[in-house]
PDB file of N, CA and C in Angstrom:
ATOM      1  N   MET A   1      99.906 147.853 -10.619  1.00  0.00           N
ATOM      2  CA  MET A   1      99.567 146.374 -11.798  1.00  0.00           C
ATOM      3  C   MET A   1      99.548 144.996 -11.096  1.00  0.00           C
ATOM      4  N   ARG A   2     100.322 145.102 -10.257  1.00  0.00           N
ATOM      5  CA  ARG A   2     101.162 144.510  -8.981  1.00  0.00           C
ATOM      6  C   ARG A   2     100.313 144.041  -8.313  1.00  0.00           C
ATOM      7  N   ASN A   3      99.254 144.995  -7.401  1.00  0.00           N
ATOM      8  CA  ASN A   3      99.203 145.170  -6.431  1.00  0.00           C
ATOM      9  C   ASN A   3      97.728 144.904  -6.828  1.00  0.00           C
ATOM     10  N   GLY A   4      97.560 145.295  -7.741  1.00  0.00           N
ATOM     11  CA  GLY A   4      95.622 145.170  -8.499  1.00  0.00           C
ATOM     12  C   GLY A   4      95.420 143.635  -8.162  1.00  0.00           C
ATOM     13  N   LYS A   5      96.726 143.024  -8.432  1.00  0.00           N
ATOM     14  CA  LYS A   5      96.597 141.535  -9.398  1.00  0.00           C
ATOM     15  C   LYS A   5      96.541 140.944  -7.945  1.00  0.00           C
ATOM     16  N   LYS A   6      96.741 141.082  -6.435  1.00  0.00           N
ATOM     17  CA  LYS A   6      97.622 140.975  -5.243  1.00  0.00           C
ATOM     18  C   LYS A   6      95.760 141.131  -4.650  1.00  0.00           C
ATOM     19  N   THR A   7      95.911 142.213  -4.688  1.00  0.00           N
ATOM     20  CA  THR A   7      93.853 142.557  -4.458  1.00  0.00           C
ATOM     21  C   THR A   7      92.713 141.634  -4.990  1.00  0.00           C
ATOM     22  N   ALA A   8      92.620 141.887  -6.339  1.00  0.00           N
ATOM     23  CA  ALA A   8      92.231 141.193  -6.881  1.00  0.00           C
ATOM     24  C   ALA A   8      92.048 139.278  -6.440  1.00  0.00           C
ATOM     25  N   ARG A   9      93.173 138.227  -6.144  1.00  0.00           N
ATOM     26  CA  ARG A   9      93.523 136.590  -5.823  1.00  0.00           C
ATOM     27  C   ARG A   9      92.414 137.244  -4.178  1.00  0.00           C
ATOM     28  N   TRP A  10      92.699 138.126  -3.592  1.00  0.00           N
ATOM     29  CA  TRP A  10      92.753 138.107  -2.004  1.00  0.00           C
ATOM     30  C   TRP A  10      91.191 137.746  -1.772  1.00  0.00           C
ATOM     31  N   PHE A  11      90.747 138.712  -2.945  1.00  0.00           N
ATOM     32  CA  PHE A  11      89.102 138.929  -2.979  1.00  0.00           C
ATOM     33  C   PHE A  11      88.473 138.285  -3.533  1.00  0.00           C
ATOM     34  N   LEU A  12      88.817 137.426  -4.356  1.00  0.00           N
ATOM     35  CA  LEU A  12      88.946 136.209  -4.532  1.00  0.00           C
ATOM     36  C   LEU A  12      88.530 135.082  -3.896  1.00  0.00           C
ATOM     37  N   TYR A  13      89.252 135.185  -3.121  1.00  0.00           N
ATOM     38  CA  TYR A  13      89.590 134.072  -1.832  1.00  0.00           C
ATOM     39  C   TYR A  13      88.395 134.548  -0.639  1.00  0.00           C
ATOM     40  N   ALA A  14      88.487 135.193  -0.333  1.00  0.00           N
ATOM     41  CA  ALA A  14      87.719 135.975   0.731  1.00  0.00           C
ATOM     42  C   ALA A  14      86.353 135.572   0.294  1.00  0.00           C
ATOM     43  N   ALA A  15      86.162 135.791  -0.646  1.00  0.00           N
ATOM     44  CA  ALA A  15      84.891 135.213  -1.400  1.00  0.00           C
ATOM     45  C   ALA A  15      84.271 133.971  -1.702  1.00  0.00           C
ATOM     46  N   LEU A  16      85.782 132.709  -2.305  1.00  0.00           N
ATOM     47  CA  LEU A  16      85.615 132.057  -1.787  1.00  0.00           C
ATOM     48  C   LEU A  16      85.054 130.856  -0.746  1.00  0.00           C
ATOM     49  N   CYS A  17      85.585 131.488   0.662  1.00  0.00           N
ATOM     50  CA  CYS A  17      85.837 131.679   1.747  1.00  0.00           C
ATOM     51  C   CYS A  17      84.659 131.523   2.333  1.00  0.00           C
ATOM     52  N   VAL A  18      83.875 132.828   2.514  1.00  0.00           N
ATOM     53  CA  VAL A  18      82.322 133.532   2.896  1.00  0.00           C
ATOM     54  C   VAL A  18      80.935 132.498   2.010  1.00  0.00           C
ATOM     55  N   GLY A  19      81.080 131.673   0.519  1.00  0.00           N
ATOM     56  CA  GLY A  19      80.522 131.488  -0.442  1.00  0.00           C
ATOM     57  C   GLY A  19      80.609 130.114   0.086  1.00  0.00           C
ATOM     58  N   THR A  20      82.186 128.753   0.382  1.00  0.00           N
ATOM     59  CA  THR A  20      81.569 128.186   1.402  1.00  0.00           C
ATOM     60  C   THR A  20      80.609 127.604   2.700  1.00  0.00           C
ATOM     61  N   ALA A  21      81.740 128.855   3.307  1.00  0.00           N
ATOM     62  CA  ALA A  21      80.677 129.183   4.961  1.00  0.00           C
ATOM     63  C   ALA A  21      79.392 128.912   4.620  1.00  0.00           C
ATOM     64  N   GLY A  22      78.839 128.826   3.814  1.00  0.00           N
ATOM     65  CA  GLY A  22      77.389 129.847   4.009  1.00  0.00           C
ATOM     66  C   GLY A  22      76.427 129.125   2.884  1.00  0.00           C
ATOM     67  N   VAL A  23      77.455 127.701   2.534  1.00  0.00           N
ATOM     68  CA  VAL A  23      76.736 126.607   2.032  1.00  0.00           C
ATOM     69  C   VAL A  23      76.868 125.622   3.177  1.00  0.00           C
ATOM     70  N   SER A  24      77.783 126.358   3.657  1.00  0.00           N
ATOM     71  CA  SER A  24      77.848 124.777   4.762  1.00  0.00           C
ATOM     72  C   SER A  24      76.596 124.821   5.864  1.00  0.00           C
ATOM     73  N   LEU A  25      77.149 126.130   6.344  1.00  0.00           N
ATOM     74  CA  LEU A  25      75.522 126.763   7.374  1.00  0.00           C
ATOM     75  C   LEU A  25      74.099 126.287   6.724  1.00  0.00           C
ATOM     76  N   MET A  26      74.153 126.408   4.821  1.00  0.00           N
ATOM     77  CA  MET A  26      72.008 126.001   4.573  1.00  0.00           C
ATOM     78  C   MET A  26      72.518 124.747   4.785  1.00  0.00           C
ATOM     79  N   GLY A  27      73.562 124.164   4.170  1.00  0.00           N
ATOM     80  CA  GLY A  27      73.323 122.400   4.938  1.00  0.00           C
ATOM     81  C   GLY A  27      72.873 121.962   6.062  1.00  0.00           C
ATOM     82  N   TYR A  28      74.060 122.475   7.261  1.00  0.00           N
ATOM     83  CA  TYR A  28      72.907 122.199   7.913  1.00  0.00           C
ATOM     84  C   TYR A  28      71.811 122.791   9.076  1.00  0.00           C
ATOM     85  N   HIS A  29      71.727 124.229   8.068  1.00  0.00           N
ATOM     86  CA  HIS A  29      70.133 124.249   8.723  1.00  0.00           C
ATOM     87  C   HIS A  29      68.982 122.939   8.214  1.00  0.00           C
ATOM     88  N   GLN A  30      69.525 122.671   6.793  1.00  0.00           N
ATOM     89  CA  GLN A  30      68.578 122.093   6.524  1.00  0.00           C
ATOM     90  C   GLN A  30      68.769 120.755   6.916  1.00  0.00           C
ATOM     91  N   VAL A  31      69.592 119.880   7.472  1.00  0.00           N
ATOM     92  CA  VAL A  31      69.699 118.722   8.042  1.00  0.00           C
ATOM     93  C   VAL A  31      69.194 118.703   9.967  1.00  0.00           C
ATOM     94  N   LYS A  32      69.495 120.135  10.057  1.00  0.00           N
ATOM     95  CA  LYS A  32      68.782 119.948  10.726  1.00  0.00           C
ATOM     96  C   LYS A  32      67.299 120.433  11.342  1.00  0.00           C
ATOM     97  N   GLN A  33      66.530 120.303  10.187  1.00  0.00           N
ATOM     98  CA  GLN A  33      64.891 120.788   9.892  1.00  0.00           C
ATOM     99  C   GLN A  33      64.565 119.646   9.501  1.00  0.00           C
ATOM    100  N   VAL A  34      64.760 118.652   8.295  1.00  0.00           N
ATOM    101  CA  VAL A  34      64.443 117.468   8.128  1.00  0.00           C
ATOM    102  C   VAL A  34      64.665 116.083   9.718  1.00  0.00           C
ATOM    103  N   ARG A  35      65.298 116.662  10.998  1.00  0.00           N
ATOM    104  CA  ARG A  35      65.568 115.705  11.704  1.00  0.00           C
ATOM    105  C   ARG A  35      64.511 116.407  12.728  1.00  0.00           C
ATOM    106  N   SER A  36      64.092 117.373  12.863  1.00  0.00           N
ATOM    107  CA  SER A  36      63.156 117.730  13.621  1.00  0.00           C
ATOM    108  C   SER A  36      62.007 117.674  13.030  1.00  0.00           C
ATOM    109  N   GLU A  37      61.104 116.987  11.546  1.00  0.00           N
ATOM    110  CA  GLU A  37      60.272 117.824  10.957  1.00  0.00           C
ATOM    111  C   GLU A  37      60.391 115.521  11.104  1.00  0.00           C
ATOM    112  N   LYS A  38      61.151 114.678  11.223  1.00  0.00           N
ATOM    113  CA  LYS A  38      60.510 113.590  11.111  1.00  0.00           C
ATOM    114  C   LYS A  38      59.262 112.870  10.897  1.00  0.00           C
ATOM    115  N   THR A  39      58.760 112.389   9.461  1.00  0.00           N
ATOM    116  CA  THR A  39      57.369 112.526   9.170  1.00  0.00           C
ATOM    117  C   THR A  39      57.466 111.142  10.114  1.00  0.00           C
ATOM    118  N   LEU A  40      56.098 111.147  11.531  1.00  0.00           N
ATOM    119  CA  LEU A  40      55.550 110.128  12.024  1.00  0.00           C
ATOM    120  C   LEU A  40      54.069 109.578  11.572  1.00  0.00           C
ATOM    121  N   ASP A  41      54.785 107.919  11.769  1.00  0.00           N
ATOM    122  CA  ASP A  41      53.291 107.516  11.485  1.00  0.00           C
ATOM    123  C   ASP A  41      51.886 107.771  12.445  1.00  0.00           C
ATOM    124  N   LEU A  42      51.481 107.645  12.256  1.00  0.00           N
ATOM    125  CA  LEU A  42      49.720 108.703  13.350  1.00  0.00           C
ATOM    126  C   LEU A  42      48.987 107.463  13.004  1.00  0.00           C
ATOM    127  N   THR A  43      48.911 106.456  12.472  1.00  0.00           N
ATOM    128  CA  THR A  43      48.360 105.871  12.221  1.00  0.00           C
ATOM    129  C   THR A  43      48.282 104.230  13.642  1.00  0.00           C
ATOM    130  N   THR A  44      50.000 104.428  13.557  1.00  0.00           N
ATOM    131  CA  THR A  44      49.862 103.070  15.020  1.00  0.00           C
ATOM    132  C   THR A  44      48.731 103.229  16.326  1.00  0.00           C
ATOM    133  N   TRP A  45      49.653 102.442  16.786  1.00  0.00           N
ATOM    134  CA  TRP A  45      48.701 102.492  18.261  1.00  0.00           C
ATOM    135  C   TRP A  45      49.449 102.572  19.777  1.00  0.00           C
ATOM    136  N   VAL A  46      50.733 103.409  18.558  1.00  0.00           N
ATOM    137  CA  VAL A  46      51.765 105.007  20.162  1.00  0.00           C
ATOM    138  C   VAL A  46      51.330 105.846  19.629  1.00  0.00           C
ATOM    139  N   PRO A  47      51.230 107.275  20.535  1.00  0.00           N
ATOM    140  CA  PRO A  47      50.414 108.430  19.950  1.00  0.00           C
ATOM    141  C   PRO A  47      52.397 109.421  20.115  1.00  0.00           C
ATOM    142  N   LYS A  48      51.758 110.332  19.100  1.00  0.00           N
ATOM    143  CA  LYS A  48      53.041 111.147  18.605  1.00  0.00           C
ATOM    144  C   LYS A  48      54.377 110.910  19.411  1.00  0.00           C
ATOM    145  N   GLU A  49      53.480 111.720  20.505  1.00  0.00           N
ATOM    146  CA  GLU A  49      54.384 112.309  22.096  1.00  0.00           C
ATOM    147  C   GLU A  49      54.959 111.289  23.080  1.00  0.00           C
ATOM    148  N   ARG A  50      54.565 110.513  23.116  1.00  0.00           N
ATOM    149  CA  ARG A  50      54.822 108.820  23.417  1.00  0.00           C
ATOM    150  C   ARG A  50      56.254 109.107  22.084  1.00  0.00           C
ATOM    151  N   ILE A  51      56.017 109.020  21.211  1.00  0.00           N
ATOM    152  CA  ILE A  51      57.315 107.872  20.758  1.00  0.00           C
ATOM    153  C   ILE A  51      58.292 108.944  20.310  1.00  0.00           C
ATOM    154  N   VAL A  52      58.221 110.144  20.903  1.00  0.00           N
ATOM    155  CA  VAL A  52      59.062 111.464  21.259  1.00  0.00           C
ATOM    156  C   VAL A  52      60.520 111.181  22.334  1.00  0.00           C
ATOM    157  N   ARG A  53      58.812 111.104  23.393  1.00  0.00           N
ATOM    158  CA  ARG A  53      59.856 110.737  24.458  1.00  0.00           C
ATOM    159  C   ARG A  53      60.519 109.557  24.589  1.00  0.00           C
ATOM    160  N   LEU A  54      60.092 108.906  23.975  1.00  0.00           N
ATOM    161  CA  LEU A  54      60.390 107.245  23.771  1.00  0.00           C
ATOM    162  C   LEU A  54      61.365 107.529  23.086  1.00  0.00           C
ATOM    163  N   MET A  55      61.823 107.809  22.283  1.00  0.00           N
ATOM    164  CA  MET A  55      63.204 108.185  21.604  1.00  0.00           C
ATOM    165  C   MET A  55      64.278 109.215  21.932  1.00  0.00           C
ATOM    166  N   GLN A  56      63.643 110.532  23.419  1.00  0.00           N
ATOM    167  CA  GLN A  56      64.552 111.040  23.715  1.00  0.00           C
ATOM    168  C   GLN A  56      65.212 110.390  24.868  1.00  0.00           C
ATOM    169  N   PHE A  57      64.381 109.876  25.175  1.00  0.00           N
ATOM    170  CA  PHE A  57      64.658 108.807  26.974  1.00  0.00           C
ATOM    171  C   PHE A  57      66.196 107.665  26.860  1.00  0.00           C
ATOM    172  N   HIS A  58      66.007 106.980  25.636  1.00  0.00           N
ATOM    173  CA  HIS A  58      66.826 106.446  24.836  1.00  0.00           C
ATOM    174  C   HIS A  58      67.672 106.894  23.865  1.00  0.00           C
ATOM    175  N   GLY A  59      67.789 108.026  23.991  1.00  0.00           N
ATOM    176  CA  GLY A  59      68.269 108.265  22.999  1.00  0.00           C
ATOM    177  C   GLY A  59      69.163 107.561  21.955  1.00  0.00           C
ATOM    178  N   THR A  60      68.051 108.306  21.975  1.00  0.00           N
ATOM    179  CA  THR A  60      68.184 107.347  19.780  1.00  0.00           C
ATOM    180  C   THR A  60      66.881 107.602  18.838  1.00  0.00           C
ATOM    181  N   ASP A  61      66.962 108.377  17.624  1.00  0.00           N
ATOM    182  CA  ASP A  61      66.970 109.011  16.877  1.00  0.00           C
ATOM    183  C   ASP A  61      65.769 108.090  15.676  1.00  0.00           C
ATOM    184  N   GLY A  62      65.439 106.646  16.405  1.00  0.00           N
ATOM    185  CA  GLY A  62      64.787 106.162  15.378  1.00  0.00           C
ATOM    186  C   GLY A  62      64.220 104.848  16.609  1.00  0.00           C
ATOM    187  N   LEU A  63      63.038 104.082  16.260  1.00  0.00           N
ATOM    188  CA  LEU A  63      62.528 103.142  16.949  1.00  0.00           C
ATOM    189  C   LEU A  63      62.035 102.601  16.102  1.00  0.00           C
ATOM    190  N   LYS A  64      61.430 101.056  16.265  1.00  0.00           N
ATOM    191  CA  LYS A  64      60.337  99.719  15.103  1.00  0.00           C
ATOM    192  C   LYS A  64      59.387 100.019  16.166  1.00  0.00           C
ATOM    193  N   VAL A  65      58.328 100.098  15.261  1.00  0.00           N
ATOM    194  CA  VAL A  65      57.290 100.075  16.156  1.00  0.00           C
ATOM    195  C   VAL A  65      56.398  98.532  15.851  1.00  0.00           C
ATOM    196  N   THR A  66      55.575  97.480  16.082  1.00  0.00           N
ATOM    197  CA  THR A  66      55.244  96.029  15.388  1.00  0.00           C
ATOM    198  C   THR A  66      53.495  96.469  15.799  1.00  0.00           C
ATOM    199  N   GLN A  67      53.049  95.832  15.649  1.00  0.00           N
ATOM    200  CA  GLN A  67      51.557  95.682  15.986  1.00  0.00           C
ATOM    201  C   GLN A  67      51.281  94.930  17.926  1.00  0.00           C
ATOM    202  N   ASP A  68      52.449  94.954  17.966  1.00  0.00           N
ATOM    203  CA  ASP A  68      52.448  94.534  19.433  1.00  0.00           C
ATOM    204  C   ASP A  68      53.509  95.566  20.936  1.00  0.00           C
ATOM    205  N   GLU A  69      54.296  95.885  20.065  1.00  0.00           N
ATOM    206  CA  GLU A  69      56.236  95.969  20.681  1.00  0.00           C
ATOM    207  C   GLU A  69      56.805  97.429  19.978  1.00  0.00           C
ATOM    208  N   VAL A  70      57.151  98.520  20.685  1.00  0.00           N
ATOM    209  CA  VAL A  70      58.374  99.455  20.507  1.00  0.00           C
ATOM    210  C   VAL A  70      59.852  98.167  20.820  1.00  0.00           C
ATOM    211  N   PHE A  71      60.822  98.752  19.466  1.00  0.00           N
ATOM    212  CA  PHE A  71      61.531  98.819  19.965  1.00  0.00           C
ATOM    213  C   PHE A  71      62.922  98.806  19.576  1.00  0.00           C
ATOM    214  N   ILE A  72      64.058  98.916  20.004  1.00  0.00           N
ATOM    215  CA  ILE A  72      65.022 100.137  19.704  1.00  0.00           C
ATOM    216  C   ILE A  72      66.339  99.662  19.640  1.00  0.00           C
ATOM    217  N   LEU A  73      66.693  99.942  18.632  1.00  0.00           N
ATOM    218  CA  LEU A  73      68.281  98.838  18.306  1.00  0.00           C
ATOM    219  C   LEU A  73      68.964  99.523  19.976  1.00  0.00           C
ATOM    220  N   ARG A  74      70.005  98.366  19.723  1.00  0.00           N
ATOM    221  CA  ARG A  74      71.158  98.501  20.665  1.00  0.00           C
ATOM    222  C   ARG A  74      72.163  97.685  20.007  1.00  0.00           C
ATOM    223  N   GLY A  75      72.859  98.268  19.814  1.00  0.00           N
ATOM    224  CA  GLY A  75      74.323  97.245  19.704  1.00  0.00           C
ATOM    225  C   GLY A  75      73.993  96.232  17.903  1.00  0.00           C
ATOM    226  N   SER A  76      73.430  95.286  18.268  1.00  0.00           N
ATOM    227  CA  SER A  76      73.384  94.781  16.736  1.00  0.00           C
ATOM    228  C   SER A  76      71.288  94.376  16.861  1.00  0.00           C
ATOM    229  N   ARG A  77      70.926  94.419  17.778  1.00  0.00           N
ATOM    230  CA  ARG A  77      69.699  93.985  18.703  1.00  0.00           C
ATOM    231  C   ARG A  77      69.157  94.450  18.876  1.00  0.00           C
ATOM    232  N   TRP A  78      67.423  94.085  18.613  1.00  0.00           N
ATOM    233  CA  TRP A  78      66.212  94.817  18.985  1.00  0.00           C
ATOM    234  C   TRP A  78      66.224  94.642  20.137  1.00  0.00           C
ATOM    235  N   VAL A  79      65.587  96.303  20.928  1.00  0.00           N
ATOM    236  CA  VAL A  79      65.525  95.614  22.254  1.00  0.00           C
ATOM    237  C   VAL A  79      64.161  95.883  22.442  1.00  0.00           C
ATOM    238  N   PRO A  80      63.536  95.234  22.763  1.00  0.00           N
ATOM    239  CA  PRO A  80      61.877  95.760  23.423  1.00  0.00           C
ATOM    240  C   PRO A  80      61.703  97.059  24.533  1.00  0.00           C
ATOM    241  N   VAL A  81      61.367  98.113  24.452  1.00  0.00           N
ATOM    242  CA  VAL A  81      61.592  99.276  25.622  1.00  0.00           C
ATOM    243  C   VAL A  81      59.869  99.471  25.913  1.00  0.00           C
ATOM    244  N   LEU A  82      58.923  98.308  25.560  1.00  0.00           N
ATOM    245  CA  LEU A  82      58.011  98.841  25.379  1.00  0.00           C
ATOM    246  C   LEU A  82      56.347  97.637  24.798  1.00  0.00           C
ATOM    247  N   LYS A  83      55.537  97.025  25.282  1.00  0.00           N
ATOM    248  CA  LYS A  83      54.069  96.056  24.831  1.00  0.00           C
ATOM    249  C   LYS A  83      52.427  96.718  24.515  1.00  0.00           C
ATOM    250  N   ARG A  84      52.615  96.669  23.895  1.00  0.00           N
ATOM    251  CA  ARG A  84      50.630  96.954  24.130  1.00  0.00           C
ATOM    252  C   ARG A  84      50.430  96.105  24.993  1.00  0.00           C
ATOM    253  N   ARG A  85      49.281  96.584  25.493  1.00  0.00           N
ATOM    254  CA  ARG A  85      48.128  95.926  26.346  1.00  0.00           C
ATOM    255  C   ARG A  85      47.576  95.579  25.385  1.00  0.00           C
ATOM    256  N   SER A  86      46.774  94.338  25.891  1.00  0.00           N
ATOM    257  CA  SER A  86      45.087  93.280  25.362  1.00  0.00           C
ATOM    258  C   SER A  86      44.086  94.153  25.864  1.00  0.00           C
ATOM    259  N   GLY A  87      43.460  94.219  25.531  1.00  0.00           N
ATOM    260  CA  GLY A  87      41.822  94.654  25.670  1.00  0.00           C
ATOM    261  C   GLY A  87      41.604  96.070  24.913  1.00  0.00           C
TER     262      GLY A  87
END
């Protein structure tokens, strides 16, 4: 009887660990998917490919795109990285 309780407790702990690992992996994959599928406003004057390249080059997850400039956040300041050509 005592051996059966140990076995049941061991299976319970093993199931709990496997369940926790599974939920953690699912959450990790969900976060990765959301980050890779960030919706970009395609109505801006900057093409999507250029935005992705700028984010990769500057090592940031986001840009601030205005009508005339593109900014990245450095420290607590928005630094311009691209200006729109007039014409």
